Amino acid sequence: MRKRVRLAAWIFLAASILSGCGRAKVPDVITEPALAIDRDGSVTVYLVGEFDKSYYDLSELEAAAQQEAAEYRKSVPNGEKAVTVEGVQAVPDGNGRIVLAYRFDGADSYEGFIKAQETELLGDVLFYGTVRDALSAGYEINMPLAEAQSGETLTPEQIREQSGKHLIVTDASAVIYCPYGVGYLSEGAVLREDGGVDGNAADGVVYILLKK
């Protein structure tokens, strides 16, 4: 059952799930794996998998996900809000798929949950903070980033000089929805019309330098 939940490929969600002050802006409907980061660092992951009614039902799937989340919360200090299950529901397209949404209180909880459950979700690397924070955490900024619209590049030295701006680092095979406007991207990442950053074509980890 858990394996089915982890083999996520496509997702659907209502915009109301992600609405609210400080939350990442997303389109009304998403049909690809997605990861949304809010201004306070909270992370929401939306997954969908095939739903075999002859094998189990939605309530069993949700119970399994809730149990995983509860076990992780108990395993970490002050983990009461580390991860919650936003819900499980059928995708209303008639193709027999289900939506599973997890919400984490930060990137550390996202990475910790992945390690504890031995699953990648959408990837196993996620950082959100300022450029200064990234350098302090040991992330090496040694590649140029291209301006999302014009393609004009910033050198690593120029990036490090923007120490107060926010940076996202992730290997998620997903569309990443950001809390602020997207400024510069690493090679392979693409800014979409809906404001999300498509990291699927990138080779390895994606760096997203935000405008704030």
C-alpha atoms as a PDB file:
ATOM      1  CA  MET A   1       0.000   0.000   0.000  1.00  0.00           C
ATOM      2  CA  ARG A   2       2.743   2.455   0.947  1.00  0.00           C
ATOM      3  CA  LYS A   3       4.646   1.609  -2.205  1.00  0.00           C
ATOM      4  CA  ARG A   4       1.617   2.602  -4.267  1.00  0.00           C
ATOM      5  CA  VAL A   5       1.463   5.958  -2.501  1.00  0.00           C
ATOM      6  CA  ARG A   6       5.164   6.614  -3.118  1.00  0.00           C
ATOM      7  CA  LEU A   7       5.042   5.868  -6.831  1.00  0.00           C
ATOM      8  CA  ALA A   8       3.533   9.250  -7.615  1.00  0.00           C
ATOM      9  CA  ALA A   9       3.492  10.533 -11.181  1.00  0.00           C
ATOM     10  CA  TRP A  10       0.761  13.136 -11.799  1.00  0.00           C
ATOM     11  CA  ILE A  11      -1.225  15.505  -9.627  1.00  0.00           C
ATOM     12  CA  PHE A  12      -4.446  17.493  -9.542  1.00  0.00           C
ATOM     13  CA  LEU A  13      -5.370  20.144  -7.023  1.00  0.00           C
ATOM     14  CA  ALA A  14      -7.828  22.913  -6.370  1.00  0.00           C
ATOM     15  CA  ALA A  15      -6.420  26.435  -6.129  1.00  0.00           C
ATOM     16  CA  SER A  16      -8.202  26.928  -2.828  1.00  0.00           C
ATOM     17  CA  ILE A  17      -5.807  24.464  -1.187  1.00  0.00           C
ATOM     18  CA  LEU A  18      -2.910  26.833  -1.795  1.00  0.00           C
ATOM     19  CA  SER A  19      -4.702  30.151  -1.362  1.00  0.00           C
ATOM     20  CA  GLY A  20      -3.876  32.471   1.487  1.00  0.00           C
ATOM     21  CA  CYS A  21      -1.480  35.183   2.563  1.00  0.00           C
ATOM     22  CA  GLY A  22       2.157  34.309   2.030  1.00  0.00           C
ATOM     23  CA  ARG A  23       1.446  31.076   0.183  1.00  0.00           C
ATOM     24  CA  ALA A  24       2.804  30.167  -3.208  1.00  0.00           C
ATOM     25  CA  LYS A  25       0.568  31.186  -6.107  1.00  0.00           C
ATOM     26  CA  VAL A  26      -0.442  28.275  -8.297  1.00  0.00           C
ATOM     27  CA  PRO A  27      -2.870  27.837 -11.205  1.00  0.00           C
ATOM     28  CA  ASP A  28      -6.370  26.508 -10.620  1.00  0.00           C
ATOM     29  CA  VAL A  29      -5.440  23.014 -11.816  1.00  0.00           C
ATOM     30  CA  ILE A  30      -2.049  21.320 -11.845  1.00  0.00           C
ATOM     31  CA  THR A  31      -1.513  18.169 -13.912  1.00  0.00           C
ATOM     32  CA  GLU A  32       2.158  17.558 -13.168  1.00  0.00           C
ATOM     33  CA  PRO A  33       4.170  16.749 -10.043  1.00  0.00           C
ATOM     34  CA  ALA A  34       4.492  19.957  -8.035  1.00  0.00           C
ATOM     35  CA  LEU A  35       6.151  21.412  -4.975  1.00  0.00           C
ATOM     36  CA  ALA A  36       5.030  24.726  -3.487  1.00  0.00           C
ATOM     37  CA  ILE A  37       7.096  26.781  -1.037  1.00  0.00           C
ATOM     38  CA  ASP A  38       5.533  29.512   1.088  1.00  0.00           C
ATOM     39  CA  ARG A  39       7.242  32.628   2.398  1.00  0.00           C
ATOM     40  CA  ASP A  40       7.595  31.150   5.873  1.00  0.00           C
ATOM     41  CA  GLY A  41       9.348  28.116   4.409  1.00  0.00           C
ATOM     42  CA  SER A  42       6.404  25.713   4.606  1.00  0.00           C
ATOM     43  CA  VAL A  43       6.399  23.136   1.828  1.00  0.00           C
ATOM     44  CA  THR A  44       3.435  21.426   0.188  1.00  0.00           C
ATOM     45  CA  VAL A  45       3.923  18.364  -2.013  1.00  0.00           C
ATOM     46  CA  TYR A  46       1.164  17.065  -4.285  1.00  0.00           C
ATOM     47  CA  LEU A  47       1.298  13.499  -5.556  1.00  0.00           C
ATOM     48  CA  VAL A  48      -1.056  11.248  -7.472  1.00  0.00           C
ATOM     49  CA  GLY A  49      -0.948   7.555  -8.199  1.00  0.00           C
ATOM     50  CA  GLU A  50      -3.042   4.838  -9.743  1.00  0.00           C
ATOM     51  CA  PHE A  51      -5.943   3.719  -7.597  1.00  0.00           C
ATOM     52  CA  ASP A  52      -6.842   0.028  -7.759  1.00  0.00           C
ATOM     53  CA  LYS A  53     -10.273  -0.248  -6.147  1.00  0.00           C
ATOM     54  CA  SER A  54     -10.065  -4.032  -6.111  1.00  0.00           C
ATOM     55  CA  TYR A  55      -7.006  -3.829  -3.852  1.00  0.00           C
ATOM     56  CA  TYR A  56      -7.844  -1.113  -1.321  1.00  0.00           C
ATOM     57  CA  ASP A  57      -9.941   2.010  -0.800  1.00  0.00           C
ATOM     58  CA  LEU A  58      -9.236   5.693  -0.256  1.00  0.00           C
ATOM     59  CA  SER A  59      -9.737   5.483   3.495  1.00  0.00           C
ATOM     60  CA  GLU A  60      -7.019   2.819   3.734  1.00  0.00           C
ATOM     61  CA  LEU A  61      -4.638   4.944   1.671  1.00  0.00           C
ATOM     62  CA  GLU A  62      -5.239   7.984   3.831  1.00  0.00           C
ATOM     63  CA  ALA A  63      -4.847   5.946   7.016  1.00  0.00           C
ATOM     64  CA  ALA A  64      -1.482   4.643   5.802  1.00  0.00           C
ATOM     65  CA  ALA A  65      -0.267   8.140   4.922  1.00  0.00           C
ATOM     66  CA  GLN A  66      -1.518   9.518   8.249  1.00  0.00           C
ATOM     67  CA  GLN A  67       0.306   6.754  10.109  1.00  0.00           C
ATOM     68  CA  GLU A  68       3.577   7.528   8.315  1.00  0.00           C
ATOM     69  CA  ALA A  69       3.194  11.206   9.170  1.00  0.00           C
ATOM     70  CA  ALA A  70       2.376  10.469  12.811  1.00  0.00           C
ATOM     71  CA  GLU A  71       5.361   8.140  13.172  1.00  0.00           C
ATOM     72  CA  TYR A  72       7.687  10.797  11.810  1.00  0.00           C
ATOM     73  CA  ARG A  73       6.286  13.523  14.084  1.00  0.00           C
ATOM     74  CA  LYS A  74       6.959  11.319  17.109  1.00  0.00           C
ATOM     75  CA  SER A  75      10.498  10.540  15.974  1.00  0.00           C
ATOM     76  CA  VAL A  76      11.812  14.116  15.884  1.00  0.00           C
ATOM     77  CA  PRO A  77      12.149  16.771  18.622  1.00  0.00           C
ATOM     78  CA  ASN A  78       9.329  19.319  18.559  1.00  0.00           C
ATOM     79  CA  GLY A  79       7.843  17.495  15.589  1.00  0.00           C
ATOM     80  CA  GLU A  80       4.179  18.263  16.264  1.00  0.00           C
ATOM     81  CA  LYS A  81       3.859  20.217  13.000  1.00  0.00           C
ATOM     82  CA  ALA A  82       6.687  18.644  11.026  1.00  0.00           C
ATOM     83  CA  VAL A  83       4.393  16.937   8.529  1.00  0.00           C
ATOM     84  CA  THR A  84       0.652  16.631   8.039  1.00  0.00           C
ATOM     85  CA  VAL A  85      -1.463  14.940   5.406  1.00  0.00           C
ATOM     86  CA  GLU A  86      -3.621  17.532   3.666  1.00  0.00           C
ATOM     87  CA  GLY A  87      -5.871  14.819   2.301  1.00  0.00           C
ATOM     88  CA  VAL A  88      -6.421  12.003  -0.161  1.00  0.00           C
ATOM     89  CA  GLN A  89      -9.086  12.137  -2.840  1.00  0.00           C
ATOM     90  CA  ALA A  90      -9.950  10.750  -6.258  1.00  0.00           C
ATOM     91  CA  VAL A  91      -8.845  12.794  -9.274  1.00  0.00           C
ATOM     92  CA  PRO A  92     -12.102  13.735 -11.041  1.00  0.00           C
ATOM     93  CA  ASP A  93     -10.966  12.778 -14.534  1.00  0.00           C
ATOM     94  CA  GLY A  94     -12.293   9.248 -14.681  1.00  0.00           C
ATOM     95  CA  ASN A  95      -8.832   7.670 -15.012  1.00  0.00           C
ATOM     96  CA  GLY A  96      -8.798   6.009 -11.608  1.00  0.00           C
ATOM     97  CA  ARG A  97      -6.081   8.136 -10.026  1.00  0.00           C
ATOM     98  CA  ILE A  98      -5.847   9.577  -6.506  1.00  0.00           C
ATOM     99  CA  VAL A  99      -4.369  12.759  -5.066  1.00  0.00           C
ATOM    100  CA  LEU A 100      -2.178  12.713  -1.954  1.00  0.00           C
ATOM    101  CA  ALA A 101      -0.991  15.993  -0.441  1.00  0.00           C
ATOM    102  CA  TYR A 102       1.651  16.368   2.279  1.00  0.00           C
ATOM    103  CA  ARG A 103       2.475  19.614   4.048  1.00  0.00           C
ATOM    104  CA  PHE A 104       5.798  20.142   5.857  1.00  0.00           C
ATOM    105  CA  ASP A 105       6.752  22.931   8.229  1.00  0.00           C
ATOM    106  CA  GLY A 106      10.059  23.419   6.399  1.00  0.00           C
ATOM    107  CA  ALA A 107      12.676  21.982   4.080  1.00  0.00           C
ATOM    108  CA  ASP A 108      14.426  20.182   6.953  1.00  0.00           C
ATOM    109  CA  SER A 109      11.258  18.253   7.769  1.00  0.00           C
ATOM    110  CA  TYR A 110      10.780  17.437   4.078  1.00  0.00           C
ATOM    111  CA  GLU A 111      14.290  15.982   3.838  1.00  0.00           C
ATOM    112  CA  GLY A 112      13.981  14.243   7.208  1.00  0.00           C
ATOM    113  CA  PHE A 113      10.708  12.575   6.273  1.00  0.00           C
ATOM    114  CA  ILE A 114      12.208  11.304   3.020  1.00  0.00           C
ATOM    115  CA  LYS A 115      15.152   9.760   4.863  1.00  0.00           C
ATOM    116  CA  ALA A 116      12.944   8.226   7.537  1.00  0.00           C
ATOM    117  CA  GLN A 117      10.521   6.691   5.040  1.00  0.00           C
ATOM    118  CA  GLU A 118      13.223   5.777   2.515  1.00  0.00           C
ATOM    119  CA  THR A 119      11.288   7.441  -0.268  1.00  0.00           C
ATOM    120  CA  GLU A 120      12.159  10.332  -2.588  1.00  0.00           C
ATOM    121  CA  LEU A 121       8.647  11.807  -2.931  1.00  0.00           C
ATOM    122  CA  LEU A 122       9.620  14.230  -5.716  1.00  0.00           C
ATOM    123  CA  GLY A 123      13.326  14.374  -4.853  1.00  0.00           C
ATOM    124  CA  ASP A 124      15.511  14.232  -1.760  1.00  0.00           C
ATOM    125  CA  VAL A 125      17.186  17.673  -1.708  1.00  0.00           C
ATOM    126  CA  LEU A 126      15.417  20.892  -0.729  1.00  0.00           C
ATOM    127  CA  PHE A 127      16.733  24.191   0.609  1.00  0.00           C
ATOM    128  CA  TYR A 128      14.916  27.510   0.994  1.00  0.00           C
ATOM    129  CA  GLY A 129      16.518  30.564   2.562  1.00  0.00           C
ATOM    130  CA  THR A 130      18.712  33.512   1.707  1.00  0.00           C
ATOM    131  CA  VAL A 131      21.879  33.259  -0.334  1.00  0.00           C
ATOM    132  CA  ARG A 132      23.747  33.959   2.891  1.00  0.00           C
ATOM    133  CA  ASP A 133      21.958  31.060   4.580  1.00  0.00           C
ATOM    134  CA  ALA A 134      22.770  28.748   1.682  1.00  0.00           C
ATOM    135  CA  LEU A 135      26.476  29.541   1.862  1.00  0.00           C
ATOM    136  CA  SER A 136      26.471  29.038   5.628  1.00  0.00           C
ATOM    137  CA  ALA A 137      24.759  25.677   5.136  1.00  0.00           C
ATOM    138  CA  GLY A 138      27.520  24.537   2.802  1.00  0.00           C
ATOM    139  CA  TYR A 139      25.837  24.948  -0.564  1.00  0.00           C
ATOM    140  CA  GLU A 140      28.404  25.881  -3.182  1.00  0.00           C
ATOM    141  CA  ILE A 141      27.315  28.563  -5.608  1.00  0.00           C
ATOM    142  CA  ASN A 142      29.872  27.965  -8.319  1.00  0.00           C
ATOM    143  CA  MET A 143      27.797  28.189 -11.486  1.00  0.00           C
ATOM    144  CA  PRO A 144      26.275  31.132 -13.359  1.00  0.00           C
ATOM    145  CA  LEU A 145      22.514  31.653 -13.257  1.00  0.00           C
ATOM    146  CA  ALA A 146      20.504  32.937 -16.212  1.00  0.00           C
ATOM    147  CA  GLU A 147      17.857  35.636 -15.930  1.00  0.00           C
ATOM    148  CA  ALA A 148      14.503  33.878 -16.280  1.00  0.00           C
ATOM    149  CA  GLN A 149      13.253  36.077 -19.138  1.00  0.00           C
ATOM    150  CA  SER A 150      16.242  37.517 -20.995  1.00  0.00           C
ATOM    151  CA  GLY A 151      18.846  34.843 -20.371  1.00  0.00           C
ATOM    152  CA  GLU A 152      21.369  37.418 -19.149  1.00  0.00           C
ATOM    153  CA  THR A 153      23.704  35.708 -16.701  1.00  0.00           C
ATOM    154  CA  LEU A 154      24.991  36.389 -13.218  1.00  0.00           C
ATOM    155  CA  THR A 155      28.424  35.093 -12.257  1.00  0.00           C
ATOM    156  CA  PRO A 156      28.837  33.126  -9.020  1.00  0.00           C
ATOM    157  CA  GLU A 157      30.494  36.190  -7.484  1.00  0.00           C
ATOM    158  CA  GLN A 158      27.526  38.380  -8.420  1.00  0.00           C
ATOM    159  CA  ILE A 159      25.111  35.833  -6.979  1.00  0.00           C
ATOM    160  CA  ARG A 160      26.977  35.698  -3.670  1.00  0.00           C
ATOM    161  CA  GLU A 161      26.821  39.501  -3.491  1.00  0.00           C
ATOM    162  CA  GLN A 162      22.990  39.277  -3.391  1.00  0.00           C
ATOM    163  CA  SER A 163      23.230  37.679   0.014  1.00  0.00           C
ATOM    164  CA  GLY A 164      19.824  38.838   1.259  1.00  0.00           C
ATOM    165  CA  LYS A 165      17.763  37.436  -1.595  1.00  0.00           C
ATOM    166  CA  HIS A 166      16.054  34.073  -1.297  1.00  0.00           C
ATOM    167  CA  LEU A 167      17.337  30.954  -2.989  1.00  0.00           C
ATOM    168  CA  ILE A 168      15.723  27.580  -3.637  1.00  0.00           C
ATOM    169  CA  VAL A 169      17.889  24.525  -4.199  1.00  0.00           C
ATOM    170  CA  THR A 170      16.209  21.237  -5.104  1.00  0.00           C
ATOM    171  CA  ASP A 171      16.484  18.089  -7.158  1.00  0.00           C
ATOM    172  CA  ALA A 172      12.703  17.647  -7.284  1.00  0.00           C
ATOM    173  CA  SER A 173      11.369  16.250 -10.547  1.00  0.00           C
ATOM    174  CA  ALA A 174       8.491  18.670 -10.465  1.00  0.00           C
ATOM    175  CA  VAL A 175       7.203  22.147 -11.164  1.00  0.00           C
ATOM    176  CA  ILE A 176       8.303  24.395  -8.291  1.00  0.00           C
ATOM    177  CA  TYR A 177       5.988  27.216  -7.219  1.00  0.00           C
ATOM    178  CA  CYS A 178       7.847  29.970  -5.382  1.00  0.00           C
ATOM    179  CA  PRO A 179       6.861  32.510  -2.713  1.00  0.00           C
ATOM    180  CA  TYR A 180       8.399  35.447  -4.594  1.00  0.00           C
ATOM    181  CA  GLY A 181       9.022  36.302  -8.240  1.00  0.00           C
ATOM    182  CA  VAL A 182      11.652  34.244 -10.026  1.00  0.00           C
ATOM    183  CA  GLY A 183      14.822  36.121 -10.948  1.00  0.00           C
ATOM    184  CA  TYR A 184      17.519  33.722 -12.146  1.00  0.00           C
ATOM    185  CA  LEU A 185      17.707  29.993 -12.864  1.00  0.00           C
ATOM    186  CA  SER A 186      20.381  27.352 -13.228  1.00  0.00           C
ATOM    187  CA  GLU A 187      20.871  25.524 -16.523  1.00  0.00           C
ATOM    188  CA  GLY A 188      17.966  23.339 -17.615  1.00  0.00           C
ATOM    189  CA  ALA A 189      15.321  24.974 -15.428  1.00  0.00           C
ATOM    190  CA  VAL A 190      12.579  26.863 -17.262  1.00  0.00           C
ATOM    191  CA  LEU A 191      10.146  29.548 -16.080  1.00  0.00           C
ATOM    192  CA  ARG A 192       6.631  28.641 -17.221  1.00  0.00           C
ATOM    193  CA  GLU A 193       3.766  30.949 -18.105  1.00  0.00           C
ATOM    194  CA  ASP A 194       1.956  29.998 -14.894  1.00  0.00           C
ATOM    195  CA  GLY A 195       4.906  31.267 -12.823  1.00  0.00           C
ATOM    196  CA  GLY A 196       6.216  27.854 -11.852  1.00  0.00           C
ATOM    197  CA  VAL A 197       9.747  26.666 -12.529  1.00  0.00           C
ATOM    198  CA  ASP A 198       9.962  23.401 -14.451  1.00  0.00           C
ATOM    199  CA  GLY A 199      12.974  21.496 -13.173  1.00  0.00           C
ATOM    200  CA  ASN A 200      12.316  18.242 -15.003  1.00  0.00           C
ATOM    201  CA  ALA A 201      14.806  18.903 -17.808  1.00  0.00           C
ATOM    202  CA  ALA A 202      17.615  19.963 -15.489  1.00  0.00           C
ATOM    203  CA  ASP A 203      20.555  17.644 -14.986  1.00  0.00           C
ATOM    204  CA  GLY A 204      20.799  17.350 -11.221  1.00  0.00           C
ATOM    205  CA  VAL A 205      20.079  20.062  -8.679  1.00  0.00           C
ATOM    206  CA  VAL A 206      18.206  23.231  -9.675  1.00  0.00           C
ATOM    207  CA  TYR A 207      19.086  26.664  -8.262  1.00  0.00           C
ATOM    208  CA  ILE A 208      16.364  29.346  -8.275  1.00  0.00           C
ATOM    209  CA  LEU A 209      17.323  32.885  -7.220  1.00  0.00           C
ATOM    210  CA  LEU A 210      14.203  34.846  -6.303  1.00  0.00           C
ATOM    211  CA  LYS A 211      13.656  38.584  -6.704  1.00  0.00           C
ATOM    212  CA  LYS A 212      13.356  39.094  -2.939  1.00  0.00           C
END
